[in-house]
Amino acid sequence: MTLALRVPEELSARVPAEQRGPGRDRSSVRMLVSRGTEVTHRRFAELPGELRAGDLLIVNTSPTLAAAVDGTLGHARVVVHFSTRGDDGRWAVELRDPDGRGTTRPRAGGPAGEVVSLPGCVHLVFEERVAAGGDRLWWVRATGDVPEVLRGHGRPIRYSYTRRDQPLSAYQTVFALPYADGAGSAEMPSAARPFTERAVAALVRRGVQFAPVTLHTGVASTEAHEPPYAERFEVPETSARLINAARAGGGRVVAVGTTAVRAVESAAGADGVVRAARGWTELVVTPERGVRAVDGLLTGLHEPEASHLQMLEAVAGRDAVRRTYEEALRGRYLWHEFGDVHLVLPPEGAH
């Protein structure tokens, strides 16, 4: 789905919500709520009032990595965005050029045999494209310990619409957990960013449950808007049981972020039953495929050309997405990872 809308540059959220004024915290964002084509304007702090006892939120526990590292290619300065670690130890990376403003612009990777030098005497050897016909992401083999390089020399990936670098802590959600093997997401699972401990406590008091899943996100295609690549995921047995029990009991299952949708839908059978699963998912949720286990979605606002809108249409319907985005523009909502959020719920009486 592509929306015939243009998002003005001034609607990009350039800094985190807590830096936009005194007395603010992560939860100080606006929340557009859509039930079908009915749209209402709320604050994120009002989320408990939009949910009810028996509803369940699916949350992604993947931590954000400091996945951008400066390097050199011959005599040229480059920035490497580490996307995904493969089962064979290789990494999928995106090569970028510094733009002189603290961010980067796209650069084709490769060719095979090209070598990028990183701090700590680590070298990346380009081997093959991740996708045939695409030059953006390449599989590389590293001569050293990449997680150690990220910890010692990496910084969070950021794009030109943001004002300045932020500490890694600004990109971690309240649900993020450390992984012993250093695994994590190249970019923040940002729909969960507005949650604070206080917000979680308020939801628990409301009778809302949480089901943790994991999906380690790769590097987004902010310029080309390509469909997502394969990503590593896990839906634990306990979470699968919670999701199935909520649906059986009449509760609504609401995914926090498109990453949570991709994970749980990868574990859902044609009968809608979610079973424990782990591994790699290549699932692309489209309106034609639909959703099987998810009733609603809390997400950010996506670019009109973004592939995420297909997933949003699968959950909400085309007319609802178009109506919501027109209202978001009219209401001057903020886009991107530090921006406002959109809560998609079924129309009243539907499940």
Protein backbone atom coordinates (compact mmCIF):
# COMPACT_ATOMS: atom_id res chain seq x y z
CA MET A 1 0.00 0.00 0.00
CA THR A 2 1.22 3.50 -0.86
CA LEU A 3 -0.53 6.58 0.47
CA ALA A 4 -0.85 9.65 -1.72
CA LEU A 5 0.34 11.85 1.13
CA ARG A 6 3.39 13.97 1.76
CA VAL A 7 4.79 14.23 5.27
CA PRO A 8 6.27 17.72 5.82
CA GLU A 9 9.85 17.72 7.06
CA GLU A 10 8.86 19.66 10.17
CA LEU A 11 6.76 16.70 11.35
CA SER A 12 9.86 14.57 11.88
CA ALA A 13 10.54 14.02 15.59
CA ARG A 14 14.11 15.28 15.88
CA VAL A 15 14.76 14.51 19.56
CA PRO A 16 13.21 12.12 22.12
CA ALA A 17 9.98 13.20 23.81
CA GLU A 18 11.70 13.73 27.17
CA GLN A 19 13.96 16.39 25.58
CA ARG A 20 11.13 18.44 24.11
CA GLY A 21 10.28 20.39 27.25
CA PRO A 22 10.39 20.44 31.06
CA GLY A 23 8.45 17.81 32.98
CA ARG A 24 8.31 15.41 30.05
CA ASP A 25 9.25 11.75 29.91
CA ARG A 26 9.11 9.01 27.29
CA SER A 27 5.36 8.70 27.64
CA SER A 28 4.82 12.37 26.72
CA VAL A 29 3.74 11.60 23.18
CA ARG A 30 0.39 11.78 21.48
CA MET A 31 -1.60 8.72 20.49
CA LEU A 32 -3.97 8.51 17.57
CA VAL A 33 -6.57 5.78 18.19
CA SER A 34 -8.41 4.19 15.29
CA ARG A 35 -11.31 1.74 15.41
CA GLY A 36 -12.08 1.11 11.80
CA THR A 37 -12.45 4.56 10.23
CA GLU A 38 -13.34 6.16 13.57
CA VAL A 39 -10.38 8.19 14.82
CA THR A 40 -9.86 9.82 18.21
CA HIS A 41 -7.00 11.86 19.64
CA ARG A 42 -5.40 10.79 22.91
CA ARG A 43 -2.17 10.98 24.90
CA PHE A 44 -0.10 7.83 25.40
CA ALA A 45 -0.76 8.11 29.15
CA GLU A 46 -4.40 7.32 28.34
CA LEU A 47 -3.54 3.88 26.92
CA PRO A 48 -4.95 1.98 29.95
CA GLY A 49 -8.33 3.58 29.30
CA GLU A 50 -8.33 2.28 25.73
CA LEU A 51 -7.70 -1.30 26.87
CA ARG A 52 -9.63 -3.53 29.23
CA ALA A 53 -9.05 -6.42 31.62
CA GLY A 54 -8.25 -9.55 29.66
CA ASP A 55 -6.49 -7.75 26.82
CA LEU A 56 -2.91 -8.76 26.12
CA LEU A 57 0.06 -6.78 24.78
CA ILE A 58 2.77 -8.60 22.84
CA VAL A 59 6.14 -6.88 23.42
CA ASN A 60 9.52 -7.35 21.78
CA THR A 61 12.40 -7.88 24.23
CA SER A 62 15.20 -7.36 21.70
CA PRO A 63 17.75 -4.74 22.85
CA THR A 64 19.09 -2.10 20.48
CA LEU A 65 22.72 -2.46 19.44
CA ALA A 66 25.25 0.30 18.90
CA ALA A 67 25.26 -0.88 15.31
CA ALA A 68 26.96 2.02 13.48
CA VAL A 69 30.76 1.93 13.32
CA ASP A 70 33.21 4.22 11.48
CA GLY A 71 35.61 2.51 9.13
CA THR A 72 37.80 3.00 6.09
CA LEU A 73 37.60 1.61 2.58
CA GLY A 74 40.98 2.27 1.04
CA HIS A 75 41.51 5.96 1.80
CA ALA A 76 37.79 6.75 2.04
CA ARG A 77 35.88 7.14 5.29
CA VAL A 78 32.75 5.00 5.50
CA VAL A 79 30.17 4.04 8.12
CA VAL A 80 29.15 0.41 8.55
CA HIS A 81 25.64 -0.38 9.73
CA PHE A 82 25.61 -3.91 11.15
CA SER A 83 22.22 -5.46 10.39
CA THR A 84 22.00 -9.17 11.17
CA ARG A 85 24.32 -11.96 12.25
CA GLY A 86 23.89 -15.18 10.27
CA ASP A 87 24.06 -18.72 11.57
CA ASP A 88 27.43 -19.14 9.86
CA GLY A 89 28.99 -16.23 11.79
CA ARG A 90 28.83 -13.75 8.92
CA TRP A 91 27.12 -10.38 9.26
CA ALA A 92 24.76 -8.63 6.89
CA VAL A 93 25.95 -5.02 6.71
CA GLU A 94 25.03 -1.81 4.95
CA LEU A 95 27.82 0.51 3.85
CA ARG A 96 27.11 4.26 4.09
CA ASP A 97 28.97 7.49 3.34
CA PRO A 98 29.33 10.21 6.02
CA ASP A 99 27.34 13.26 4.92
CA GLY A 100 29.33 15.84 6.90
CA ARG A 101 26.40 16.53 9.24
CA GLY A 102 26.86 13.62 11.62
CA THR A 103 24.63 11.27 9.66
CA THR A 104 25.04 9.25 6.46
CA ARG A 105 23.79 8.74 2.93
CA PRO A 106 23.37 5.50 0.97
CA ARG A 107 26.32 3.82 -0.72
CA ALA A 108 26.41 0.59 -2.70
CA GLY A 109 28.29 -2.24 -1.02
CA GLY A 110 30.75 -4.66 -2.53
CA PRO A 111 32.13 -5.87 -4.79
CA ALA A 112 33.05 -9.31 -3.47
CA GLY A 113 36.55 -9.26 -2.01
CA GLU A 114 36.38 -5.61 -0.93
CA VAL A 115 37.80 -5.04 2.56
CA VAL A 116 36.65 -2.46 5.12
CA SER A 117 38.92 -1.74 8.10
CA LEU A 118 37.40 -1.07 11.53
CA PRO A 119 38.88 0.02 14.87
CA GLY A 120 40.75 -2.66 16.80
CA CYS A 121 42.37 -4.09 13.67
CA VAL A 122 39.11 -5.76 12.63
CA HIS A 123 38.49 -6.20 8.92
CA LEU A 124 35.30 -6.99 7.02
CA VAL A 125 35.58 -8.95 3.77
CA PHE A 126 32.60 -8.59 1.43
CA GLU A 127 31.45 -11.98 0.14
CA GLU A 128 28.00 -11.81 -1.48
CA ARG A 129 24.80 -9.80 -1.70
CA VAL A 130 22.08 -10.59 0.81
CA ALA A 131 19.46 -10.35 -1.94
CA ALA A 132 20.08 -11.03 -5.62
CA GLY A 133 20.12 -7.83 -7.62
CA GLY A 134 20.51 -5.55 -4.58
CA ASP A 135 23.70 -3.72 -3.64
CA ARG A 136 22.54 -2.29 -0.30
CA LEU A 137 23.08 -5.24 2.07
CA TRP A 138 26.04 -7.62 1.81
CA TRP A 139 27.20 -10.62 3.77
CA VAL A 140 30.67 -9.98 5.16
CA ARG A 141 33.11 -12.10 7.14
CA ALA A 142 34.86 -10.40 10.03
CA THR A 143 38.40 -11.12 11.19
CA GLY A 144 37.59 -10.15 14.80
CA ASP A 145 34.88 -10.00 17.46
CA VAL A 146 32.06 -7.83 16.07
CA PRO A 147 30.04 -7.58 19.33
CA GLU A 148 33.20 -6.31 21.03
CA VAL A 149 33.68 -3.74 18.27
CA LEU A 150 30.07 -2.57 18.67
CA ARG A 151 30.47 -2.26 22.44
CA GLY A 152 33.75 -0.37 22.20
CA HIS A 153 33.33 1.74 19.06
CA GLY A 154 29.69 1.61 17.97
CA ARG A 155 26.88 4.12 18.30
CA PRO A 156 23.17 3.87 17.57
CA ILE A 157 22.14 4.17 13.94
CA ARG A 158 20.50 7.49 13.23
CA TYR A 159 19.24 9.29 10.16
CA SER A 160 19.30 12.87 8.93
CA TYR A 161 15.88 13.83 10.32
CA THR A 162 17.26 13.61 13.89
CA ARG A 163 19.06 16.60 15.39
CA ARG A 164 22.05 14.96 17.08
CA ASP A 165 23.51 11.71 18.37
CA GLN A 166 21.80 10.23 21.42
CA PRO A 167 23.20 7.77 23.98
CA LEU A 168 22.38 4.12 23.45
CA SER A 169 20.07 4.27 26.48
CA ALA A 170 17.74 6.57 24.51
CA TYR A 171 17.20 3.72 22.06
CA GLN A 172 16.46 0.99 24.61
CA THR A 173 12.87 0.16 25.49
CA VAL A 174 11.69 -0.76 28.97
CA PHE A 175 11.19 -4.34 27.72
CA ALA A 176 14.74 -4.82 26.35
CA LEU A 177 16.71 -7.76 27.77
CA PRO A 178 20.43 -8.53 27.39
CA TYR A 179 21.37 -11.59 25.34
CA ALA A 180 24.46 -13.56 26.31
CA ASP A 181 25.61 -13.87 22.69
CA GLY A 182 25.41 -10.12 22.13
CA ALA A 183 22.37 -10.43 19.85
CA GLY A 184 20.00 -7.53 19.40
CA SER A 185 18.37 -5.19 16.94
CA ALA A 186 20.17 -2.92 14.52
CA GLU A 187 17.42 -0.35 15.06
CA MET A 188 15.12 0.19 18.03
CA PRO A 189 11.76 -1.61 18.18
CA SER A 190 10.44 1.91 18.59
CA ALA A 191 6.71 1.36 19.15
CA ALA A 192 7.55 0.35 22.74
CA ARG A 193 9.65 3.43 23.44
CA PRO A 194 6.86 5.44 25.17
CA PHE A 195 6.38 2.74 27.81
CA THR A 196 7.78 3.50 31.24
CA GLU A 197 7.69 1.41 34.39
CA ARG A 198 4.81 3.56 35.60
CA ALA A 199 2.89 2.97 32.37
CA VAL A 200 3.42 -0.79 32.62
CA ALA A 201 2.23 -0.77 36.25
CA ALA A 202 -0.92 1.16 35.28
CA LEU A 203 -1.71 -1.40 32.59
CA VAL A 204 -1.17 -4.31 34.98
CA ARG A 205 -3.56 -2.69 37.47
CA ARG A 206 -6.06 -2.43 34.64
CA GLY A 207 -5.86 -6.20 34.15
CA VAL A 208 -3.85 -6.10 30.93
CA GLN A 209 -1.30 -8.89 30.47
CA PHE A 210 2.04 -8.90 28.65
CA ALA A 211 3.50 -11.63 26.43
CA PRO A 212 7.20 -11.23 25.57
CA VAL A 213 8.52 -12.31 22.18
CA THR A 214 11.80 -11.60 20.42
CA LEU A 215 12.53 -10.35 16.94
CA HIS A 216 15.97 -8.93 16.24
CA THR A 217 15.38 -6.25 13.63
CA GLY A 218 17.74 -5.56 10.78
CA VAL A 219 18.61 -2.24 9.16
CA ALA A 220 15.57 -0.45 7.79
CA SER A 221 15.50 0.71 4.20
CA THR A 222 14.72 4.38 4.79
CA GLU A 223 15.47 5.42 1.22
CA ALA A 224 14.34 2.46 -0.91
CA HIS A 225 11.45 1.17 1.27
CA GLU A 226 12.28 -2.44 0.47
CA PRO A 227 10.30 -5.29 2.04
CA PRO A 228 11.87 -6.70 5.23
CA TYR A 229 14.61 -9.28 5.05
CA ALA A 230 14.72 -12.50 7.05
CA GLU A 231 15.08 -11.84 10.77
CA ARG A 232 15.68 -14.03 13.81
CA PHE A 233 12.72 -14.49 16.15
CA GLU A 234 11.41 -16.48 19.10
CA VAL A 235 7.94 -16.97 20.56
CA PRO A 236 8.35 -18.82 23.89
CA GLU A 237 5.91 -21.50 24.99
CA THR A 238 4.64 -19.36 27.88
CA SER A 239 3.86 -16.45 25.57
CA ALA A 240 2.11 -18.71 23.06
CA ARG A 241 -0.13 -20.01 25.87
CA LEU A 242 -0.89 -16.47 27.08
CA ILE A 243 -1.88 -15.35 23.58
CA ASN A 244 -4.12 -18.37 22.98
CA ALA A 245 -5.73 -18.02 26.42
CA ALA A 246 -6.44 -14.32 25.88
CA ARG A 247 -8.15 -15.00 22.56
CA ALA A 248 -10.15 -17.89 24.01
CA GLY A 249 -11.28 -15.67 26.87
CA GLY A 250 -12.48 -12.85 24.64
CA GLY A 251 -9.51 -10.57 25.21
CA ARG A 252 -7.91 -8.58 22.43
CA VAL A 253 -4.34 -9.37 21.41
CA VAL A 254 -2.51 -6.12 20.60
CA ALA A 255 1.03 -6.24 19.22
CA VAL A 256 3.40 -3.47 20.29
CA GLY A 257 5.15 -2.73 17.02
CA THR A 258 5.38 -4.31 13.61
CA THR A 259 8.26 -6.48 14.88
CA ALA A 260 5.94 -8.11 17.41
CA VAL A 261 3.38 -8.73 14.67
CA ARG A 262 5.98 -10.40 12.47
CA ALA A 263 7.17 -12.61 15.31
CA VAL A 264 3.79 -13.83 16.54
CA GLU A 265 2.30 -14.23 13.08
CA SER A 266 5.34 -16.36 12.16
CA ALA A 267 4.31 -18.70 14.99
CA ALA A 268 0.57 -18.73 14.22
CA GLY A 269 -0.98 -21.59 12.30
CA ALA A 270 -3.75 -21.29 9.72
CA ASP A 271 -6.14 -22.08 12.58
CA GLY A 272 -5.00 -18.96 14.47
CA VAL A 273 -3.37 -21.00 17.23
CA VAL A 274 0.07 -19.73 18.26
CA ARG A 275 2.70 -22.34 18.99
CA ALA A 276 6.20 -21.91 20.40
CA ALA A 277 8.64 -21.25 17.58
CA ARG A 278 12.10 -19.89 16.97
CA GLY A 279 14.49 -19.43 14.07
CA TRP A 280 14.37 -17.21 11.01
CA THR A 281 11.25 -15.65 9.56
CA GLU A 282 10.80 -14.34 6.04
CA LEU A 283 7.11 -13.63 6.60
CA VAL A 284 5.78 -10.44 5.05
CA VAL A 285 2.33 -9.64 6.42
CA THR A 286 0.15 -8.29 3.62
CA PRO A 287 -3.58 -7.65 3.28
CA GLU A 288 -3.80 -10.75 1.09
CA ARG A 289 -2.21 -12.94 3.77
CA GLY A 290 -3.98 -11.16 6.64
CA VAL A 291 -3.33 -11.66 10.34
CA ARG A 292 -4.25 -14.76 12.31
CA ALA A 293 -3.43 -14.06 15.94
CA VAL A 294 -3.35 -10.27 16.26
CA ASP A 295 -6.43 -8.12 16.82
CA GLY A 296 -4.74 -4.74 17.18
CA LEU A 297 -1.47 -2.91 16.88
CA LEU A 298 0.38 -0.09 18.61
CA THR A 299 2.86 1.41 16.19
CA GLY A 300 4.57 4.59 15.12
CA LEU A 301 3.71 6.62 12.05
CA HIS A 302 5.36 5.29 8.90
CA GLU A 303 6.38 6.98 5.67
CA PRO A 304 3.65 6.85 2.98
CA GLU A 305 5.85 4.51 0.87
CA ALA A 306 6.94 2.22 3.72
CA SER A 307 6.36 -1.54 3.41
CA HIS A 308 5.05 -1.48 7.01
CA LEU A 309 1.81 0.01 5.68
CA GLN A 310 0.94 -3.35 4.11
CA MET A 311 0.98 -4.86 7.60
CA LEU A 312 -1.04 -1.96 8.95
CA GLU A 313 -3.62 -2.47 6.20
CA ALA A 314 -3.78 -6.18 7.06
CA VAL A 315 -4.71 -5.29 10.64
CA ALA A 316 -6.89 -2.21 10.13
CA GLY A 317 -8.05 -2.15 6.51
CA ARG A 318 -7.16 0.23 3.67
CA ASP A 319 -9.83 2.84 4.36
CA ALA A 320 -8.93 2.99 8.04
CA VAL A 321 -5.22 3.50 7.32
CA ARG A 322 -5.90 6.26 4.81
CA ARG A 323 -8.33 8.01 7.17
CA THR A 324 -5.91 7.76 10.11
CA TYR A 325 -2.95 9.17 8.20
CA GLU A 326 -4.96 12.07 6.86
CA GLU A 327 -5.98 12.81 10.46
CA ALA A 328 -2.38 12.48 11.66
CA LEU A 329 -1.25 15.09 9.14
CA ARG A 330 -4.15 17.36 10.01
CA GLY A 331 -3.34 17.03 13.71
CA ARG A 332 0.40 17.66 13.20
CA TYR A 333 1.50 14.36 14.73
CA LEU A 334 5.22 13.60 14.78
CA TRP A 335 6.80 10.81 12.69
CA HIS A 336 9.71 8.39 13.18
CA GLU A 337 11.19 6.58 16.19
CA PHE A 338 10.97 9.49 18.62
CA GLY A 339 7.53 10.52 17.42
CA ASP A 340 3.89 9.91 18.29
CA VAL A 341 2.07 6.58 18.16
CA HIS A 342 -0.97 5.03 16.53
CA LEU A 343 -3.18 2.52 18.34
CA VAL A 344 -5.23 0.30 16.03
CA LEU A 345 -8.15 -1.51 17.71
CA PRO A 346 -11.06 -3.47 16.24
CA PRO A 347 -14.34 -1.55 15.98
CA GLU A 348 -16.49 -1.97 19.10
CA GLY A 349 -18.28 -5.30 19.02
CA ALA A 350 -15.80 -6.84 16.58
CA HIS A 351 -13.13 -9.37 17.50
